[in-house]
Protein backbone atom coordinates (compact mmCIF):
# COMPACT_ATOMS: atom_id res chain seq x y z
CA MET A 1 -44.95 -0.77 70.03
CA ALA A 2 -45.25 -1.04 66.05
CA THR A 3 -48.19 -2.39 64.91
CA ILE A 4 -48.56 -4.62 61.50
CA ASP A 5 -51.39 -5.85 59.48
CA LEU A 6 -52.22 -9.80 60.17
CA TYR A 7 -53.79 -11.53 56.82
CA ASN A 8 -55.27 -14.98 56.09
CA MET A 9 -54.37 -17.05 53.22
CA LYS A 10 -57.10 -15.17 50.87
CA GLY A 11 -55.28 -11.61 51.55
CA GLN A 12 -57.85 -10.00 54.01
CA VAL A 13 -56.97 -8.02 57.08
CA VAL A 14 -57.97 -10.26 60.07
CA LYS A 15 -56.50 -7.56 62.56
CA GLN A 16 -53.47 -5.58 63.70
CA ILE A 17 -50.50 -7.15 65.88
CA GLU A 18 -48.20 -5.55 67.83
CA VAL A 19 -44.30 -6.21 66.99
CA LYS A 20 -41.31 -5.16 69.25
CA ASP A 21 -39.68 -1.96 68.48
CA GLU A 22 -36.41 -3.59 69.42
CA VAL A 23 -36.49 -5.96 66.43
CA PHE A 24 -38.59 -3.88 63.86
CA GLY A 25 -38.41 -0.59 64.84
CA ILE A 26 -34.48 0.41 65.29
CA THR A 27 -32.80 2.57 62.75
CA PRO A 28 -30.86 0.46 60.27
CA ASN A 29 -27.22 0.46 60.81
CA HIS A 30 -26.08 0.82 56.96
CA ASP A 31 -22.25 -0.19 57.98
CA VAL A 32 -23.13 -3.16 59.94
CA LEU A 33 -25.48 -4.20 57.30
CA GLN A 34 -22.71 -4.05 54.46
CA ARG A 35 -20.25 -5.67 56.75
CA ALA A 36 -22.88 -8.55 56.94
CA VAL A 37 -23.71 -9.02 53.45
CA ILE A 38 -20.02 -8.99 52.41
CA MET A 39 -19.28 -11.55 55.32
CA GLN A 40 -22.25 -14.01 53.91
CA LEU A 41 -20.97 -13.46 50.02
CA ALA A 42 -17.67 -14.03 50.99
CA ASN A 43 -18.14 -17.03 53.08
CA LYS A 44 -20.20 -18.69 50.07
CA ARG A 45 -17.13 -18.64 47.82
CA GLN A 46 -15.45 -21.77 47.41
CA GLY A 47 -11.85 -20.54 46.89
CA THR A 48 -10.78 -23.43 44.49
CA SER A 49 -9.27 -21.44 41.65
CA LYS A 50 -6.01 -22.56 41.01
CA ALA A 51 -3.50 -21.65 38.33
CA LYS A 52 0.35 -23.46 37.84
CA GLY A 53 3.22 -21.15 38.42
CA ARG A 54 6.09 -21.33 36.62
CA SER A 55 7.64 -24.25 39.16
CA GLU A 56 4.59 -26.43 38.00
CA VAL A 57 4.30 -26.56 34.75
CA SER A 58 5.82 -29.38 32.99
CA GLY A 59 9.04 -28.86 30.69
CA GLY A 60 11.40 -26.48 30.30
CA GLY A 61 14.28 -27.83 32.26
CA ARG A 62 16.98 -27.37 29.81
CA LYS A 63 17.93 -23.69 28.38
CA PRO A 64 16.96 -23.09 25.09
CA TYR A 65 19.84 -21.66 23.55
CA ARG A 66 22.99 -19.90 24.60
CA GLN A 67 23.39 -16.82 26.57
CA LYS A 68 25.25 -14.91 24.23
CA GLY A 69 25.86 -14.30 20.31
CA THR A 70 22.02 -14.86 19.01
CA GLY A 71 21.14 -11.20 19.13
CA ARG A 72 18.25 -12.44 21.09
CA ALA A 73 16.90 -11.76 24.64
CA ARG A 74 18.36 -14.23 26.99
CA GLN A 75 16.33 -17.00 28.28
CA GLY A 76 16.26 -19.52 30.96
CA SER A 77 13.43 -21.48 30.27
CA ILE A 78 10.70 -21.84 28.06
CA ARG A 79 8.17 -22.57 30.89
CA ALA A 80 8.54 -18.37 32.27
CA ALA A 81 5.53 -16.69 32.11
CA GLN A 82 6.33 -14.93 28.74
CA HIS A 83 6.16 -18.25 26.81
CA VAL A 84 2.93 -19.91 25.55
CA GLY A 85 2.72 -22.56 27.95
CA GLY A 86 4.68 -21.10 30.66
CA GLY A 87 3.52 -20.47 34.37
CA VAL A 88 1.23 -17.67 35.71
CA ILE A 89 3.00 -15.13 37.56
CA PHE A 90 1.11 -14.73 41.04
CA GLY A 91 -1.63 -16.70 39.72
CA PRO A 92 -4.84 -17.82 41.96
CA VAL A 93 -4.13 -20.47 44.66
CA PRO A 94 -6.61 -22.20 46.79
CA ARG A 95 -7.84 -20.21 49.65
CA SER A 96 -10.40 -19.19 52.36
CA TYR A 97 -12.38 -16.17 51.95
CA ARG A 98 -14.32 -17.00 55.18
CA THR A 99 -14.54 -13.69 57.50
CA VAL A 100 -16.41 -13.73 60.71
CA LEU A 101 -18.01 -10.83 62.43
CA PRO A 102 -18.86 -10.39 66.02
CA ARG A 103 -22.02 -11.87 67.59
CA LYS A 104 -23.41 -8.75 68.49
CA MET A 105 -22.66 -7.32 65.17
CA ARG A 106 -24.53 -10.04 63.44
CA GLN A 107 -27.73 -9.51 65.96
CA LEU A 108 -27.64 -5.80 64.92
CA ALA A 109 -27.23 -6.64 61.18
CA MET A 110 -30.47 -8.95 61.45
CA LYS A 111 -32.30 -6.35 63.33
CA SER A 112 -31.06 -3.47 61.26
CA ALA A 113 -32.55 -5.55 57.80
CA LEU A 114 -35.72 -6.85 59.94
CA SER A 115 -36.52 -2.58 60.41
CA ALA A 116 -35.50 -1.82 56.97
CA CYS A 117 -38.24 -4.39 55.76
CA TYR A 118 -40.97 -3.05 58.35
CA ALA A 119 -39.84 0.64 57.37
CA ASP A 120 -40.17 0.00 53.55
CA ASN A 121 -43.22 -1.89 54.00
CA LYS A 122 -42.44 -5.09 52.38
CA LEU A 123 -43.04 -6.83 55.32
CA LYS A 124 -46.19 -9.20 55.67
CA VAL A 125 -47.50 -11.39 58.08
CA VAL A 126 -50.12 -13.99 57.39
CA ASP A 127 -52.01 -15.99 59.97
CA ASP A 128 -51.43 -19.54 59.02
CA LEU A 129 -49.95 -20.99 55.81
CA LYS A 130 -51.59 -24.31 55.36
CA LEU A 131 -52.45 -26.55 52.14
CA GLU A 132 -54.02 -29.89 52.13
CA ALA A 133 -52.08 -31.04 49.05
CA ILE A 134 -49.02 -30.28 46.95
CA LYS A 135 -50.57 -27.79 44.68
CA THR A 136 -48.09 -24.96 42.99
CA LYS A 137 -51.28 -23.54 41.80
CA GLU A 138 -52.84 -23.02 45.16
CA MET A 139 -49.67 -21.80 46.72
CA ALA A 140 -49.27 -19.04 43.79
CA GLN A 141 -52.91 -17.70 44.55
CA VAL A 142 -52.08 -17.50 48.32
CA LEU A 143 -49.18 -15.32 47.18
CA SER A 144 -51.30 -13.27 44.53
CA ASN A 145 -53.97 -12.93 47.39
CA LEU A 146 -50.90 -11.50 49.74
CA GLU A 147 -49.52 -9.18 46.60
CA ALA A 148 -46.43 -10.94 47.23
CA GLU A 149 -46.35 -13.33 43.74
CA LYS A 150 -42.72 -12.33 42.62
CA SER A 151 -39.53 -12.11 44.57
CA THR A 152 -40.89 -13.14 47.89
CA LEU A 153 -38.91 -14.56 51.03
CA LEU A 154 -41.30 -16.82 52.96
CA VAL A 155 -40.43 -17.56 56.24
CA LEU A 156 -41.92 -20.68 58.22
CA GLU A 157 -41.76 -21.47 62.17
CA ALA A 158 -41.14 -25.10 61.00
CA MET A 159 -40.67 -26.93 57.75
CA ASP A 160 -43.71 -27.90 55.98
CA LEU A 161 -43.09 -30.23 53.04
CA VAL A 162 -46.51 -29.52 51.58
CA ILE A 163 -45.77 -26.05 51.53
CA ARG A 164 -42.09 -26.61 50.55
CA ARG A 165 -43.11 -28.34 47.61
CA SER A 166 -45.75 -26.43 46.39
CA ALA A 167 -43.58 -23.30 46.37
CA ALA A 168 -40.52 -25.02 44.71
CA ASN A 169 -41.51 -24.26 41.53
CA LEU A 170 -42.48 -20.78 41.80
CA PRO A 171 -39.88 -18.06 40.35
CA GLY A 172 -38.70 -16.24 42.44
CA VAL A 173 -39.83 -17.61 45.66
CA LYS A 174 -37.69 -18.64 48.32
CA LEU A 175 -38.66 -20.78 51.74
CA GLU A 176 -36.42 -20.40 54.70
CA LEU A 177 -37.01 -21.01 58.80
CA SER A 178 -37.24 -18.51 61.13
CA ASN A 179 -33.90 -19.91 62.44
CA THR A 180 -32.32 -19.71 59.01
CA ILE A 181 -33.01 -16.63 57.51
CA ASN A 182 -30.30 -13.97 56.80
CA VAL A 183 -29.50 -10.45 55.93
CA PHE A 184 -28.56 -10.81 52.36
CA ASP A 185 -32.06 -12.49 51.47
CA LEU A 186 -34.17 -9.88 53.39
CA LEU A 187 -32.66 -7.04 51.54
CA LYS A 188 -32.87 -9.13 48.35
CA PHE A 189 -36.07 -9.95 48.10
CA ASP A 190 -39.22 -7.54 47.27
CA HIS A 191 -41.34 -9.16 49.90
CA VAL A 192 -41.20 -10.93 52.83
CA VAL A 193 -43.76 -13.12 54.17
CA PHE A 194 -43.91 -14.42 57.64
CA THR A 195 -46.37 -16.47 59.29
CA GLU A 196 -47.49 -15.33 62.88
CA ALA A 197 -45.63 -18.15 64.75
CA ALA A 198 -42.10 -17.48 62.90
CA LEU A 199 -42.57 -13.66 63.49
CA ARG A 200 -42.70 -14.54 67.23
CA LYS A 201 -39.97 -16.72 67.04
CA VAL A 202 -37.86 -13.91 65.54
CA GLU A 203 -38.86 -11.57 68.15
CA GLU A 204 -38.03 -14.45 71.00
CA VAL A 205 -34.53 -14.66 69.55
CA TYR A 206 -33.46 -10.98 68.76
CA ALA A 207 -35.78 -9.03 71.49
């Protein structure tokens, strides 16, 4: 089994712990990672863009001038697309961009992302993450001790409101739970900090 350093909140290595190879030691499947990221970004789209077509804009019920004899191009309506105020040809209409990947493919994508984090040495594990009061300065100091003060994904096993509010105003820091992490965030952030409990929970789910 692979091993990783376990830190305390002061940034000191307490010991080394083992992590499961089937979660953190596989060869990342880049094709599946790409599919998972595309799915996630597509599912975030609202799909509410709308442009009026020729039949939806107001006016233009009368033929603007006679068909022949004017020397001008024939026109049937002033609300055709070539006129100002006319309808849009093939404009956007409300739609759903939602896509779904098979369950096994989603699991493979998550394990690939976790293994990529481990291979790139951007994964850190802290034995516990507790603050007595809501203090942004103290939270920033903890991340500084871990050398992960910028572009950091914090992963907890259960929600801690003190930690959540202490990290809320730190730029580039996002807090997630072990059951809400996603492939896009794991690849996006430069540092991924797990509590030991969160790490074991992830192993329990994906091993």
